[in-house]
Amino acid sequence: MAIQRSESPLRTLRSSVNKDVLVKIKDGNSYYGRLIMTDPTMNVVMTDCEEISDEGGEPIARYGTVLIRGSQILYIIVDYHKQ
């Protein structure tokens, strides 16, 4: 019987650099953009970032480059494609 090993979340996140991601933070806001950097505490830097609404995924605000603190992140969806 083969044992299947799952990747650590940090390793998955590091392999997702230059991919589109959706980041949901604790205050309920969601941000969509291209992941350009992460660190051991899961702080993420995104470029071409948009804050999007939960209802329809419509942009609320557009930002350039943003830093989101790892301690504020609920989850990250990798290879996210907006509808």
PDB file of N, CA and C in Angstrom:
ATOM      1  N   MET A   1       0.847  -1.172   0.000  1.00  0.00           N
ATOM      2  CA  MET A   1       0.000   0.000   0.000  1.00  0.00           C
ATOM      3  C   MET A   1       0.889   1.231   0.000  1.00  0.00           C
ATOM      4  N   ALA A   2       0.668   2.109  -0.950  1.00  0.00           N
ATOM      5  CA  ALA A   2       1.456   3.328  -1.077  1.00  0.00           C
ATOM      6  C   ALA A   2       0.900   4.412  -0.167  1.00  0.00           C
ATOM      7  N   ILE A   3       1.802   5.104   0.492  1.00  0.00           N
ATOM      8  CA  ILE A   3       1.396   6.211   1.353  1.00  0.00           C
ATOM      9  C   ILE A   3       1.470   7.481   0.535  1.00  0.00           C
ATOM     10  N   GLN A   4       0.361   8.213   0.551  1.00  0.00           N
ATOM     11  CA  GLN A   4       0.308   9.444  -0.213  1.00  0.00           C
ATOM     12  C   GLN A   4       0.600  10.621   0.718  1.00  0.00           C
ATOM     13  N   ARG A   5       1.553  11.446   0.337  1.00  0.00           N
ATOM     14  CA  ARG A   5       1.921  12.603   1.154  1.00  0.00           C
ATOM     15  C   ARG A   5       1.308  13.846   0.544  1.00  0.00           C
ATOM     16  N   SER A   6       0.696  14.637   1.387  1.00  0.00           N
ATOM     17  CA  SER A   6       0.155  15.899   0.890  1.00  0.00           C
ATOM     18  C   SER A   6       1.203  16.991   1.084  1.00  0.00           C
ATOM     19  N   GLU A   7       1.143  17.971   0.196  1.00  0.00           N
ATOM     20  CA  GLU A   7       2.079  19.081   0.288  1.00  0.00           C
ATOM     21  C   GLU A   7       1.700  19.988   1.438  1.00  0.00           C
ATOM     22  N   SER A   8       2.691  20.637   2.012  1.00  0.00           N
ATOM     23  CA  SER A   8       2.401  21.608   3.058  1.00  0.00           C
ATOM     24  C   SER A   8       1.776  22.840   2.420  1.00  0.00           C
ATOM     25  N   PRO A   9       0.923  23.556   3.149  1.00  0.00           N
ATOM     26  CA  PRO A   9       0.305  24.769   2.592  1.00  0.00           C
ATOM     27  C   PRO A   9       1.333  25.801   2.140  1.00  0.00           C
ATOM     28  N   LEU A  10       2.411  25.942   2.879  1.00  0.00           N
ATOM     29  CA  LEU A  10       3.430  26.915   2.514  1.00  0.00           C
ATOM     30  C   LEU A  10       4.122  26.529   1.205  1.00  0.00           C
ATOM     31  N   ARG A  11       4.398  25.257   1.023  1.00  0.00           N
ATOM     32  CA  ARG A  11       5.022  24.792  -0.215  1.00  0.00           C
ATOM     33  C   ARG A  11       4.073  25.004  -1.400  1.00  0.00           C
ATOM     34  N   THR A  12       2.800  24.725  -1.198  1.00  0.00           N
ATOM     35  CA  THR A  12       1.804  24.963  -2.254  1.00  0.00           C
ATOM     36  C   THR A  12       1.741  26.435  -2.603  1.00  0.00           C
ATOM     37  N   LEU A  13       1.748  27.289  -1.585  1.00  0.00           N
ATOM     38  CA  LEU A  13       1.692  28.721  -1.822  1.00  0.00           C
ATOM     39  C   LEU A  13       2.941  29.206  -2.565  1.00  0.00           C
ATOM     40  N   ARG A  14       4.090  28.722  -2.185  1.00  0.00           N
ATOM     41  CA  ARG A  14       5.338  29.119  -2.865  1.00  0.00           C
ATOM     42  C   ARG A  14       5.350  28.670  -4.327  1.00  0.00           C
ATOM     43  N   SER A  15       4.754  27.536  -4.615  1.00  0.00           N
ATOM     44  CA  SER A  15       4.713  27.058  -5.992  1.00  0.00           C
ATOM     45  C   SER A  15       3.655  27.796  -6.816  1.00  0.00           C
ATOM     46  N   SER A  16       2.887  28.661  -6.172  1.00  0.00           N
ATOM     47  CA  SER A  16       1.819  29.400  -6.846  1.00  0.00           C
ATOM     48  C   SER A  16       2.218  30.812  -7.248  1.00  0.00           C
ATOM     49  N   VAL A  17       3.483  31.160  -7.065  1.00  0.00           N
ATOM     50  CA  VAL A  17       3.956  32.485  -7.476  1.00  0.00           C
ATOM     51  C   VAL A  17       3.725  32.639  -8.981  1.00  0.00           C
ATOM     52  N   ASN A  18       3.277  33.821  -9.378  1.00  0.00           N
ATOM     53  CA  ASN A  18       2.932  34.177 -10.762  1.00  0.00           C
ATOM     54  C   ASN A  18       1.620  33.559 -11.229  1.00  0.00           C
ATOM     55  N   LYS A  19       0.812  33.084 -10.312  1.00  0.00           N
ATOM     56  CA  LYS A  19      -0.519  32.581 -10.647  1.00  0.00           C
ATOM     57  C   LYS A  19      -1.557  33.531 -10.071  1.00  0.00           C
ATOM     58  N   ASP A  20      -2.753  33.499 -10.645  1.00  0.00           N
ATOM     59  CA  ASP A  20      -3.853  34.300 -10.128  1.00  0.00           C
ATOM     60  C   ASP A  20      -4.431  33.621  -8.889  1.00  0.00           C
ATOM     61  N   VAL A  21      -4.654  34.422  -7.847  1.00  0.00           N
ATOM     62  CA  VAL A  21      -5.176  33.889  -6.594  1.00  0.00           C
ATOM     63  C   VAL A  21      -6.305  34.773  -6.077  1.00  0.00           C
ATOM     64  N   LEU A  22      -7.152  34.166  -5.264  1.00  0.00           N
ATOM     65  CA  LEU A  22      -8.174  34.885  -4.518  1.00  0.00           C
ATOM     66  C   LEU A  22      -7.836  34.713  -3.052  1.00  0.00           C
ATOM     67  N   VAL A  23      -7.729  35.824  -2.333  1.00  0.00           N
ATOM     68  CA  VAL A  23      -7.399  35.791  -0.911  1.00  0.00           C
ATOM     69  C   VAL A  23      -8.591  36.336  -0.131  1.00  0.00           C
ATOM     70  N   LYS A  24      -9.121  35.540   0.779  1.00  0.00           N
ATOM     71  CA  LYS A  24     -10.222  35.955   1.652  1.00  0.00           C
ATOM     72  C   LYS A  24      -9.617  36.250   3.016  1.00  0.00           C
ATOM     73  N   ILE A  25      -9.915  37.438   3.568  1.00  0.00           N
ATOM     74  CA  ILE A  25      -9.339  37.796   4.864  1.00  0.00           C
ATOM     75  C   ILE A  25     -10.420  37.805   5.938  1.00  0.00           C
ATOM     76  N   LYS A  26      -9.984  37.889   7.183  1.00  0.00           N
ATOM     77  CA  LYS A  26     -10.868  37.730   8.333  1.00  0.00           C
ATOM     78  C   LYS A  26     -11.997  38.748   8.420  1.00  0.00           C
ATOM     79  N   ASP A  27     -11.808  39.950   7.883  1.00  0.00           N
ATOM     80  CA  ASP A  27     -12.880  40.946   7.975  1.00  0.00           C
ATOM     81  C   ASP A  27     -13.956  40.743   6.904  1.00  0.00           C
ATOM     82  N   GLY A  28     -13.801  39.699   6.074  1.00  0.00           N
ATOM     83  CA  GLY A  28     -14.807  39.371   5.072  1.00  0.00           C
ATOM     84  C   GLY A  28     -14.489  39.847   3.675  1.00  0.00           C
ATOM     85  N   ASN A  29     -13.461  40.672   3.508  1.00  0.00           N
ATOM     86  CA  ASN A  29     -13.101  41.169   2.185  1.00  0.00           C
ATOM     87  C   ASN A  29     -12.352  40.100   1.397  1.00  0.00           C
ATOM     88  N   SER A  30     -12.473  40.188   0.063  1.00  0.00           N
ATOM     89  CA  SER A  30     -11.771  39.270  -0.836  1.00  0.00           C
ATOM     90  C   SER A  30     -10.935  40.085  -1.814  1.00  0.00           C
ATOM     91  N   TYR A  31      -9.752  39.578  -2.127  1.00  0.00           N
ATOM     92  CA  TYR A  31      -8.833  40.249  -3.032  1.00  0.00           C
ATOM     93  C   TYR A  31      -8.384  39.270  -4.107  1.00  0.00           C
ATOM     94  N   TYR A  32      -8.385  39.748  -5.347  1.00  0.00           N
ATOM     95  CA  TYR A  32      -8.002  38.944  -6.498  1.00  0.00           C
ATOM     96  C   TYR A  32      -6.808  39.611  -7.178  1.00  0.00           C
ATOM     97  N   GLY A  33      -5.807  38.812  -7.514  1.00  0.00           N
ATOM     98  CA  GLY A  33      -4.651  39.358  -8.208  1.00  0.00           C
ATOM     99  C   GLY A  33      -3.621  38.290  -8.472  1.00  0.00           C
ATOM    100  N   ARG A  34      -2.460  38.724  -8.955  1.00  0.00           N
ATOM    101  CA  ARG A  34      -1.371  37.806  -9.260  1.00  0.00           C
ATOM    102  C   ARG A  34      -0.414  37.763  -8.077  1.00  0.00           C
ATOM    103  N   LEU A  35      -0.183  36.573  -7.563  1.00  0.00           N
ATOM    104  CA  LEU A  35       0.739  36.378  -6.439  1.00  0.00           C
ATOM    105  C   LEU A  35       2.166  36.571  -6.933  1.00  0.00           C
ATOM    106  N   ILE A  36       2.892  37.490  -6.284  1.00  0.00           N
ATOM    107  CA  ILE A  36       4.284  37.699  -6.715  1.00  0.00           C
ATOM    108  C   ILE A  36       5.304  37.327  -5.647  1.00  0.00           C
ATOM    109  N   MET A  37       4.845  37.173  -4.384  1.00  0.00           N
ATOM    110  CA  MET A  37       5.799  36.818  -3.337  1.00  0.00           C
ATOM    111  C   MET A  37       5.057  36.333  -2.099  1.00  0.00           C
ATOM    112  N   THR A  38       5.693  35.449  -1.356  1.00  0.00           N
ATOM    113  CA  THR A  38       5.196  35.013  -0.058  1.00  0.00           C
ATOM    114  C   THR A  38       6.400  34.763   0.851  1.00  0.00           C
ATOM    115  N   ASP A  39       6.139  34.676   2.146  1.00  0.00           N
ATOM    116  CA  ASP A  39       7.232  34.430   3.088  1.00  0.00           C
ATOM    117  C   ASP A  39       6.835  33.339   4.075  1.00  0.00           C
ATOM    118  N   PRO A  40       7.716  32.951   5.004  1.00  0.00           N
ATOM    119  CA  PRO A  40       7.414  31.846   5.920  1.00  0.00           C
ATOM    120  C   PRO A  40       6.201  32.078   6.833  1.00  0.00           C
ATOM    121  N   THR A  41       5.777  33.332   7.021  1.00  0.00           N
ATOM    122  CA  THR A  41       4.595  33.590   7.850  1.00  0.00           C
ATOM    123  C   THR A  41       3.331  33.752   7.000  1.00  0.00           C
ATOM    124  N   MET A  42       3.429  33.382   5.719  1.00  0.00           N
ATOM    125  CA  MET A  42       2.333  33.428   4.755  1.00  0.00           C
ATOM    126  C   MET A  42       1.828  34.836   4.465  1.00  0.00           C
ATOM    127  N   ASN A  43       2.674  35.849   4.720  1.00  0.00           N
ATOM    128  CA  ASN A  43       2.357  37.170   4.182  1.00  0.00           C
ATOM    129  C   ASN A  43       2.407  37.023   2.669  1.00  0.00           C
ATOM    130  N   VAL A  44       1.490  37.672   1.965  1.00  0.00           N
ATOM    131  CA  VAL A  44       1.494  37.571   0.510  1.00  0.00           C
ATOM    132  C   VAL A  44       1.564  38.956  -0.109  1.00  0.00           C
ATOM    133  N   VAL A  45       2.255  39.047  -1.231  1.00  0.00           N
ATOM    134  CA  VAL A  45       2.303  40.274  -2.024  1.00  0.00           C
ATOM    135  C   VAL A  45       1.651  39.929  -3.354  1.00  0.00           C
ATOM    136  N   MET A  46       0.682  40.773  -3.736  1.00  0.00           N
ATOM    137  CA  MET A  46      -0.044  40.574  -4.986  1.00  0.00           C
ATOM    138  C   MET A  46       0.062  41.828  -5.831  1.00  0.00           C
ATOM    139  N   THR A  47       0.019  41.657  -7.146  1.00  0.00           N
ATOM    140  CA  THR A  47       0.028  42.780  -8.058  1.00  0.00           C
ATOM    141  C   THR A  47      -1.260  42.749  -8.880  1.00  0.00           C
ATOM    142  N   ASP A  48      -1.601  43.885  -9.483  1.00  0.00           N
ATOM    143  CA  ASP A  48      -2.858  44.015 -10.238  1.00  0.00           C
ATOM    144  C   ASP A  48      -4.030  43.551  -9.387  1.00  0.00           C
ATOM    145  N   CYS A  49      -4.040  43.972  -8.156  1.00  0.00           N
ATOM    146  CA  CYS A  49      -4.987  43.489  -7.163  1.00  0.00           C
ATOM    147  C   CYS A  49      -6.305  44.261  -7.225  1.00  0.00           C
ATOM    148  N   GLU A  50      -7.405  43.530  -7.053  1.00  0.00           N
ATOM    149  CA  GLU A  50      -8.738  44.114  -6.976  1.00  0.00           C
ATOM    150  C   GLU A  50      -9.424  43.599  -5.724  1.00  0.00           C
ATOM    151  N   GLU A  51     -10.124  44.486  -5.049  1.00  0.00           N
ATOM    152  CA  GLU A  51     -11.020  44.059  -3.979  1.00  0.00           C
ATOM    153  C   GLU A  51     -12.333  43.723  -4.662  1.00  0.00           C
ATOM    154  N   ILE A  52     -12.873  42.532  -4.410  1.00  0.00           N
ATOM    155  CA  ILE A  52     -14.082  42.124  -5.106  1.00  0.00           C
ATOM    156  C   ILE A  52     -15.211  41.833  -4.136  1.00  0.00           C
ATOM    157  N   SER A  53     -16.438  42.021  -4.618  1.00  0.00           N
ATOM    158  CA  SER A  53     -17.614  41.780  -3.785  1.00  0.00           C
ATOM    159  C   SER A  53     -17.898  40.284  -3.717  1.00  0.00           C
ATOM    160  N   ASP A  54     -18.499  39.859  -2.628  1.00  0.00           N
ATOM    161  CA  ASP A  54     -18.850  38.453  -2.463  1.00  0.00           C
ATOM    162  C   ASP A  54     -20.076  38.081  -3.288  1.00  0.00           C
ATOM    163  N   GLU A  55     -20.954  39.037  -3.529  1.00  0.00           N
ATOM    164  CA  GLU A  55     -22.199  38.735  -4.221  1.00  0.00           C
ATOM    165  C   GLU A  55     -21.965  38.341  -5.680  1.00  0.00           C
ATOM    166  N   GLY A  56     -21.397  39.253  -6.454  1.00  0.00           N
ATOM    167  CA  GLY A  56     -21.246  38.977  -7.878  1.00  0.00           C
ATOM    168  C   GLY A  56     -19.819  38.914  -8.359  1.00  0.00           C
ATOM    169  N   GLY A  57     -18.880  39.104  -7.469  1.00  0.00           N
ATOM    170  CA  GLY A  57     -17.480  39.111  -7.868  1.00  0.00           C
ATOM    171  C   GLY A  57     -17.076  40.373  -8.615  1.00  0.00           C
ATOM    172  N   GLU A  58     -17.902  41.408  -8.507  1.00  0.00           N
ATOM    173  CA  GLU A  58     -17.611  42.669  -9.170  1.00  0.00           C
ATOM    174  C   GLU A  58     -16.525  43.431  -8.413  1.00  0.00           C
ATOM    175  N   PRO A  59     -15.629  44.119  -9.131  1.00  0.00           N
ATOM    176  CA  PRO A  59     -14.586  44.889  -8.449  1.00  0.00           C
ATOM    177  C   PRO A  59     -15.172  46.047  -7.641  1.00  0.00           C
ATOM    178  N   ILE A  60     -14.728  46.180  -6.409  1.00  0.00           N
ATOM    179  CA  ILE A  60     -15.105  47.308  -5.556  1.00  0.00           C
ATOM    180  C   ILE A  60     -14.052  48.396  -5.693  1.00  0.00           C
ATOM    181  N   ALA A  61     -12.790  47.985  -5.707  1.00  0.00           N
ATOM    182  CA  ALA A  61     -11.667  48.922  -5.831  1.00  0.00           C
ATOM    183  C   ALA A  61     -10.517  48.207  -6.530  1.00  0.00           C
ATOM    184  N   ARG A  62      -9.704  48.975  -7.227  1.00  0.00           N
ATOM    185  CA  ARG A  62      -8.517  48.426  -7.892  1.00  0.00           C
ATOM    186  C   ARG A  62      -7.277  49.018  -7.228  1.00  0.00           C
ATOM    187  N   TYR A  63      -6.318  48.156  -6.970  1.00  0.00           N
ATOM    188  CA  TYR A  63      -5.059  48.564  -6.357  1.00  0.00           C
ATOM    189  C   TYR A  63      -3.918  48.110  -7.252  1.00  0.00           C
ATOM    190  N   GLY A  64      -2.762  48.631  -7.031  1.00  0.00           N
ATOM    191  CA  GLY A  64      -1.573  48.154  -7.747  1.00  0.00           C
ATOM    192  C   GLY A  64      -1.022  46.935  -7.036  1.00  0.00           C
ATOM    193  N   THR A  65       0.012  47.164  -6.263  1.00  0.00           N
ATOM    194  CA  THR A  65       0.651  46.098  -5.503  1.00  0.00           C
ATOM    195  C   THR A  65       0.221  46.210  -4.043  1.00  0.00           C
ATOM    196  N   VAL A  66      -0.172  45.076  -3.459  1.00  0.00           N
ATOM    197  CA  VAL A  66      -0.615  45.073  -2.064  1.00  0.00           C
ATOM    198  C   VAL A  66       0.106  43.980  -1.276  1.00  0.00           C
ATOM    199  N   LEU A  67       0.201  44.210   0.018  1.00  0.00           N
ATOM    200  CA  LEU A  67       0.713  43.224   0.962  1.00  0.00           C
ATOM    201  C   LEU A  67      -0.432  42.847   1.877  1.00  0.00           C
ATOM    202  N   ILE A  68      -0.678  41.561   2.024  1.00  0.00           N
ATOM    203  CA  ILE A  68      -1.695  41.081   2.965  1.00  0.00           C
ATOM    204  C   ILE A  68      -0.984  40.250   4.010  1.00  0.00           C
ATOM    205  N   ARG A  69      -1.194  40.622   5.258  1.00  0.00           N
ATOM    206  CA  ARG A  69      -0.563  39.919   6.370  1.00  0.00           C
ATOM    207  C   ARG A  69      -1.096  38.511   6.507  1.00  0.00           C
ATOM    208  N   GLY A  70      -0.215  37.561   6.671  1.00  0.00           N
ATOM    209  CA  GLY A  70      -0.599  36.159   6.788  1.00  0.00           C
ATOM    210  C   GLY A  70      -1.551  35.887   7.936  1.00  0.00           C
ATOM    211  N   SER A  71      -1.417  36.636   9.031  1.00  0.00           N
ATOM    212  CA  SER A  71      -2.283  36.414  10.204  1.00  0.00           C
ATOM    213  C   SER A  71      -3.726  36.832   9.944  1.00  0.00           C
ATOM    214  N   GLN A  72      -3.973  37.592   8.871  1.00  0.00           N
ATOM    215  CA  GLN A  72      -5.332  38.047   8.549  1.00  0.00           C
ATOM    216  C   GLN A  72      -6.019  37.187   7.492  1.00  0.00           C
ATOM    217  N   ILE A  73      -5.312  36.210   6.930  1.00  0.00           N
ATOM    218  CA  ILE A  73      -5.854  35.406   5.831  1.00  0.00           C
ATOM    219  C   ILE A  73      -6.672  34.234   6.364  1.00  0.00           C
ATOM    220  N   LEU A  74      -7.899  34.094   5.818  1.00  0.00           N
ATOM    221  CA  LEU A  74      -8.725  32.920   6.108  1.00  0.00           C
ATOM    222  C   LEU A  74      -8.370  31.785   5.166  1.00  0.00           C
ATOM    223  N   TYR A  75      -8.370  32.096   3.856  1.00  0.00           N
ATOM    224  CA  TYR A  75      -7.999  31.084   2.879  1.00  0.00           C
ATOM    225  C   TYR A  75      -7.527  31.741   1.589  1.00  0.00           C
ATOM    226  N   ILE A  76      -6.863  30.933   0.770  1.00  0.00           N
ATOM    227  CA  ILE A  76      -6.354  31.371  -0.534  1.00  0.00           C
ATOM    228  C   ILE A  76      -6.766  30.326  -1.558  1.00  0.00           C
ATOM    229  N   ILE A  77      -7.339  30.795  -2.670  1.00  0.00           N
ATOM    230  CA  ILE A  77      -7.667  29.915  -3.783  1.00  0.00           C
ATOM    231  C   ILE A  77      -6.640  30.176  -4.878  1.00  0.00           C
ATOM    232  N   VAL A  78      -5.913  29.130  -5.270  1.00  0.00           N
ATOM    233  CA  VAL A  78      -4.881  29.241  -6.291  1.00  0.00           C
ATOM    234  C   VAL A  78      -5.493  28.948  -7.657  1.00  0.00           C
ATOM    235  N   ASP A  79      -4.979  29.610  -8.698  1.00  0.00           N
ATOM    236  CA  ASP A  79      -5.487  29.485 -10.068  1.00  0.00           C
ATOM    237  C   ASP A  79      -6.961  29.875 -10.142  1.00  0.00           C
ATOM    238  N   TYR A  80      -7.311  30.917  -9.418  1.00  0.00           N
ATOM    239  CA  TYR A  80      -8.686  31.415  -9.406  1.00  0.00           C
ATOM    240  C   TYR A  80      -8.957  32.171 -10.695  1.00  0.00           C
ATOM    241  N   HIS A  81     -10.105  31.934 -11.290  1.00  0.00           N
ATOM    242  CA  HIS A  81     -10.505  32.639 -12.502  1.00  0.00           C
ATOM    243  C   HIS A  81     -11.820  33.334 -12.241  1.00  0.00           C
ATOM    244  N   LYS A  82     -11.811  34.663 -12.404  1.00  0.00           N
ATOM    245  CA  LYS A  82     -13.032  35.421 -12.180  1.00  0.00           C
ATOM    246  C   LYS A  82     -14.067  35.063 -13.236  1.00  0.00           C
ATOM    247  N   GLN A  83     -15.329  35.113 -12.823  1.00  0.00           N
ATOM    248  CA  GLN A  83     -16.434  34.838 -13.764  1.00  0.00           C
ATOM    249  C   GLN A  83     -16.648  36.036 -14.631  1.00  0.00           C
TER     250      GLN A  83
END
